[in-house]
N, C-alpha and C. Protein backbone atom coordinates (compact mmCIF):
# COMPACT_ATOMS: atom_id res chain seq x y z
N MET A 1 206.74 -86.87 118.89
CA MET A 1 205.55 -87.53 118.45
C MET A 1 204.36 -86.78 118.90
N ASN A 2 203.30 -86.72 118.09
CA ASN A 2 202.07 -86.04 118.50
C ASN A 2 200.93 -86.94 118.59
N VAL A 3 199.88 -86.53 119.23
CA VAL A 3 198.59 -87.43 119.30
C VAL A 3 197.43 -86.54 118.88
N TYR A 4 196.69 -87.08 118.04
CA TYR A 4 195.45 -86.44 117.52
C TYR A 4 194.27 -87.35 117.81
N THR A 5 193.25 -86.68 118.37
CA THR A 5 192.05 -87.44 118.79
C THR A 5 190.93 -87.20 117.69
N LEU A 6 190.29 -88.27 117.28
CA LEU A 6 189.35 -88.21 116.26
C LEU A 6 188.09 -89.01 116.62
N ARG A 7 186.91 -88.41 116.58
CA ARG A 7 185.70 -89.20 117.07
C ARG A 7 185.15 -89.86 115.91
N VAL A 8 184.82 -91.13 116.14
CA VAL A 8 184.08 -91.88 115.05
C VAL A 8 182.81 -92.54 115.70
N GLU A 9 181.87 -92.85 114.98
CA GLU A 9 180.71 -93.52 115.42
C GLU A 9 181.08 -94.88 116.10
N PRO A 10 180.67 -94.97 117.42
CA PRO A 10 181.09 -96.31 118.06
C PRO A 10 180.48 -97.46 117.34
N THR A 11 181.29 -98.57 117.15
CA THR A 11 180.89 -99.73 116.42
C THR A 11 181.58 -100.93 117.13
N ASP A 12 180.93 -102.04 116.98
CA ASP A 12 181.56 -103.37 117.40
C ASP A 12 181.98 -104.09 116.22
N ASP A 13 181.73 -103.59 115.03
CA ASP A 13 182.08 -104.35 113.82
C ASP A 13 183.61 -104.34 113.55
N LEU A 14 184.35 -103.32 113.89
CA LEU A 14 185.75 -103.25 113.74
C LEU A 14 186.51 -103.18 115.06
N SER A 15 187.52 -103.99 115.29
CA SER A 15 188.28 -103.91 116.52
C SER A 15 189.37 -102.79 116.31
N VAL A 16 189.96 -102.40 117.37
CA VAL A 16 191.00 -101.47 117.34
C VAL A 16 192.12 -102.01 116.53
N GLU A 17 192.42 -103.35 116.61
CA GLU A 17 193.50 -103.83 115.75
C GLU A 17 193.19 -103.69 114.17
N GLN A 18 191.91 -103.94 113.81
CA GLN A 18 191.48 -103.67 112.47
C GLN A 18 191.69 -102.23 112.02
N ILE A 19 191.24 -101.27 112.91
CA ILE A 19 191.36 -99.96 112.70
C ILE A 19 192.78 -99.48 112.55
N ARG A 20 193.68 -99.95 113.42
CA ARG A 20 194.97 -99.69 113.43
C ARG A 20 195.63 -100.24 112.08
N TRP A 21 195.31 -101.39 111.73
CA TRP A 21 195.84 -101.90 110.49
C TRP A 21 195.45 -101.08 109.30
N GLU A 22 194.16 -100.62 109.22
CA GLU A 22 193.72 -99.81 108.12
C GLU A 22 194.54 -98.55 108.11
N LEU A 23 194.82 -97.86 109.28
CA LEU A 23 195.41 -96.58 109.33
C LEU A 23 197.01 -96.62 109.22
N PHE A 24 197.54 -97.80 109.32
CA PHE A 24 199.00 -97.97 109.20
C PHE A 24 199.42 -97.86 107.69
N VAL A 25 198.47 -97.71 106.73
CA VAL A 25 198.90 -97.42 105.34
C VAL A 25 199.51 -95.97 105.21
N HIS A 26 199.24 -95.23 106.38
CA HIS A 26 199.77 -93.88 106.41
C HIS A 26 201.09 -93.92 107.20
N ARG A 27 202.25 -93.69 106.54
CA ARG A 27 203.53 -93.98 107.19
C ARG A 27 203.79 -93.08 108.48
N GLU A 28 203.08 -91.98 108.52
CA GLU A 28 203.39 -91.08 109.73
C GLU A 28 202.67 -91.65 110.96
N ILE A 29 201.73 -92.55 110.85
CA ILE A 29 201.04 -93.16 112.03
C ILE A 29 201.86 -94.13 112.76
N ARG A 30 202.06 -93.92 114.04
CA ARG A 30 202.82 -94.89 114.90
C ARG A 30 201.95 -95.81 115.78
N ASP A 31 200.82 -95.40 116.22
CA ASP A 31 199.96 -96.16 117.05
C ASP A 31 198.51 -95.60 117.02
N VAL A 32 197.50 -96.49 117.38
CA VAL A 32 196.16 -96.09 117.45
C VAL A 32 195.44 -96.80 118.57
N SER A 33 194.87 -96.00 119.45
CA SER A 33 194.04 -96.61 120.59
C SER A 33 192.53 -96.16 120.39
N ARG A 34 191.67 -96.96 120.88
CA ARG A 34 190.23 -96.53 120.81
C ARG A 34 189.54 -96.59 122.24
N PHE A 35 188.67 -95.61 122.46
CA PHE A 35 187.99 -95.56 123.70
C PHE A 35 186.57 -96.03 123.52
N VAL A 36 185.92 -96.24 124.51
CA VAL A 36 184.54 -96.80 124.47
C VAL A 36 183.59 -95.82 123.75
N ASP A 37 183.80 -94.52 123.81
CA ASP A 37 182.93 -93.53 123.31
C ASP A 37 183.13 -93.33 121.74
N GLY A 38 184.12 -94.16 121.19
CA GLY A 38 184.50 -93.94 119.76
C GLY A 38 185.55 -93.09 119.34
N THR A 39 186.11 -92.46 120.50
CA THR A 39 187.38 -91.59 120.19
C THR A 39 188.52 -92.48 119.84
N LEU A 40 189.24 -92.10 118.82
CA LEU A 40 190.53 -92.62 118.47
C LEU A 40 191.62 -91.74 118.89
N ALA A 41 192.66 -92.21 119.44
CA ALA A 41 193.90 -91.43 119.79
C ALA A 41 194.93 -92.00 118.68
N ILE A 42 195.37 -91.12 117.89
CA ILE A 42 196.20 -91.45 116.80
C ILE A 42 197.55 -90.79 117.06
N ALA A 43 198.62 -91.63 117.28
CA ALA A 43 199.99 -91.17 117.49
C ALA A 43 200.56 -91.09 116.10
N TYR A 44 201.25 -89.91 115.85
CA TYR A 44 201.86 -89.82 114.47
C TYR A 44 203.12 -88.87 114.57
N GLU A 45 203.95 -89.05 113.59
CA GLU A 45 205.10 -88.24 113.43
C GLU A 45 204.74 -87.07 112.52
N GLY A 46 205.49 -86.02 112.64
CA GLY A 46 205.33 -84.79 111.82
C GLY A 46 204.74 -83.68 112.48
N ASP A 47 204.68 -82.48 111.78
CA ASP A 47 204.19 -81.28 112.37
C ASP A 47 202.71 -81.17 112.35
N GLU A 48 202.03 -81.61 111.29
CA GLU A 48 200.66 -81.53 111.20
C GLU A 48 200.00 -82.88 110.84
N PRO A 49 198.78 -83.09 111.40
CA PRO A 49 198.21 -84.42 111.15
C PRO A 49 197.55 -84.32 109.79
N LYS A 50 197.40 -85.41 109.17
CA LYS A 50 196.82 -85.61 107.77
C LYS A 50 195.42 -86.13 107.89
N VAL A 51 194.62 -85.26 108.57
CA VAL A 51 193.25 -85.71 108.96
C VAL A 51 192.45 -86.13 107.72
N ALA A 52 192.47 -85.29 106.69
CA ALA A 52 191.57 -85.61 105.57
C ALA A 52 191.90 -87.03 104.96
N ALA A 53 193.10 -87.41 104.92
CA ALA A 53 193.53 -88.73 104.37
C ALA A 53 193.15 -89.82 105.43
N TRP A 54 193.30 -89.54 106.67
CA TRP A 54 192.96 -90.52 107.71
C TRP A 54 191.33 -90.73 107.75
N GLU A 55 190.67 -89.69 107.61
CA GLU A 55 189.22 -89.79 107.55
C GLU A 55 188.73 -90.59 106.40
N GLN A 56 189.39 -90.34 105.16
CA GLN A 56 189.05 -91.05 103.97
C GLN A 56 189.30 -92.49 104.16
N THR A 57 190.35 -92.95 104.84
CA THR A 57 190.61 -94.31 105.12
C THR A 57 189.68 -94.92 106.01
N LEU A 58 189.26 -94.24 107.07
CA LEU A 58 188.26 -94.79 108.04
C LEU A 58 186.90 -94.86 107.44
N THR A 59 186.54 -93.85 106.59
CA THR A 59 185.22 -93.92 105.93
C THR A 59 185.15 -95.02 104.99
N SER A 60 186.26 -95.33 104.25
CA SER A 60 186.24 -96.46 103.37
C SER A 60 186.18 -97.82 103.95
N CYS A 61 186.50 -97.84 105.27
CA CYS A 61 186.34 -99.24 105.86
C CYS A 61 185.02 -99.24 106.77
N GLY A 62 184.10 -98.24 106.58
CA GLY A 62 182.91 -98.33 107.15
C GLY A 62 182.61 -97.48 108.40
N LEU A 63 183.64 -96.65 108.82
CA LEU A 63 183.42 -95.88 110.10
C LEU A 63 182.98 -94.51 109.67
N ALA A 64 182.05 -94.04 110.52
CA ALA A 64 181.59 -92.59 110.30
C ALA A 64 182.40 -91.61 111.26
N VAL A 65 183.06 -90.65 110.59
CA VAL A 65 183.86 -89.74 111.40
C VAL A 65 182.85 -88.65 111.94
N LEU A 66 182.97 -88.34 113.24
CA LEU A 66 182.01 -87.32 113.83
C LEU A 66 182.60 -85.95 113.91
N SER A 67 184.00 -85.78 114.15
CA SER A 67 184.50 -84.49 114.45
C SER A 67 185.84 -84.33 113.59
N PRO A 68 185.73 -83.65 112.45
CA PRO A 68 186.81 -83.46 111.54
C PRO A 68 187.83 -82.38 111.83
N ASP A 69 187.66 -81.61 112.81
CA ASP A 69 188.43 -80.37 112.86
C ASP A 69 189.74 -80.57 113.61
N ALA A 70 190.83 -80.69 112.85
CA ALA A 70 192.13 -81.02 113.44
C ALA A 70 192.74 -79.99 114.41
N ARG A 71 192.40 -78.76 114.18
CA ARG A 71 192.97 -77.69 115.12
C ARG A 71 192.58 -77.80 116.55
N ASP A 72 191.37 -78.24 116.73
CA ASP A 72 190.87 -78.45 118.08
C ASP A 72 191.23 -79.68 118.70
N GLN A 73 191.67 -80.74 117.93
CA GLN A 73 191.87 -82.07 118.44
C GLN A 73 193.43 -82.44 118.66
N ARG A 74 194.29 -81.63 118.07
CA ARG A 74 195.75 -81.92 118.20
C ARG A 74 196.33 -81.70 119.49
N THR A 75 197.17 -82.57 119.99
CA THR A 75 197.89 -82.36 121.18
C THR A 75 199.28 -82.74 121.06
N ASP A 76 200.18 -82.17 121.81
CA ASP A 76 201.66 -82.38 121.68
C ASP A 76 202.10 -83.30 122.80
N GLN A 77 201.88 -84.60 122.72
CA GLN A 77 202.27 -85.55 123.73
C GLN A 77 202.73 -86.86 123.06
N ALA A 78 203.57 -87.45 123.68
CA ALA A 78 204.13 -88.72 123.05
C ALA A 78 203.39 -89.98 123.68
N ARG A 79 202.59 -89.87 124.73
CA ARG A 79 202.07 -91.04 125.33
C ARG A 79 200.64 -91.25 124.93
N LEU A 80 200.23 -92.48 124.60
CA LEU A 80 198.88 -92.86 124.31
C LEU A 80 198.28 -93.31 125.63
N PRO A 81 196.97 -93.22 125.85
CA PRO A 81 196.35 -93.77 126.98
C PRO A 81 196.45 -95.23 127.05
N THR A 82 196.43 -95.91 128.10
CA THR A 82 196.55 -97.31 128.29
C THR A 82 195.13 -97.84 127.84
N ARG A 83 195.21 -99.07 127.41
CA ARG A 83 194.07 -99.74 126.86
C ARG A 83 193.35 -100.56 127.96
């Protein structure tokens, strides 16, 4: 499992549960955590993250994506940070 971090504009309008639910339409996503600064940690299966599709999903539910470059954000670890 891999983890990709993606920065979004911080908002109180959507909870991490709502964001997780929206992103679970992508079968490769296994879990999502959100940090106070708006960073999302997305645990996914597969070799490469499908960032463009994830960004489109997040944008369609009203979140502004701040850093779209997958190459700088991908990490190879199976653990997500504790909430």
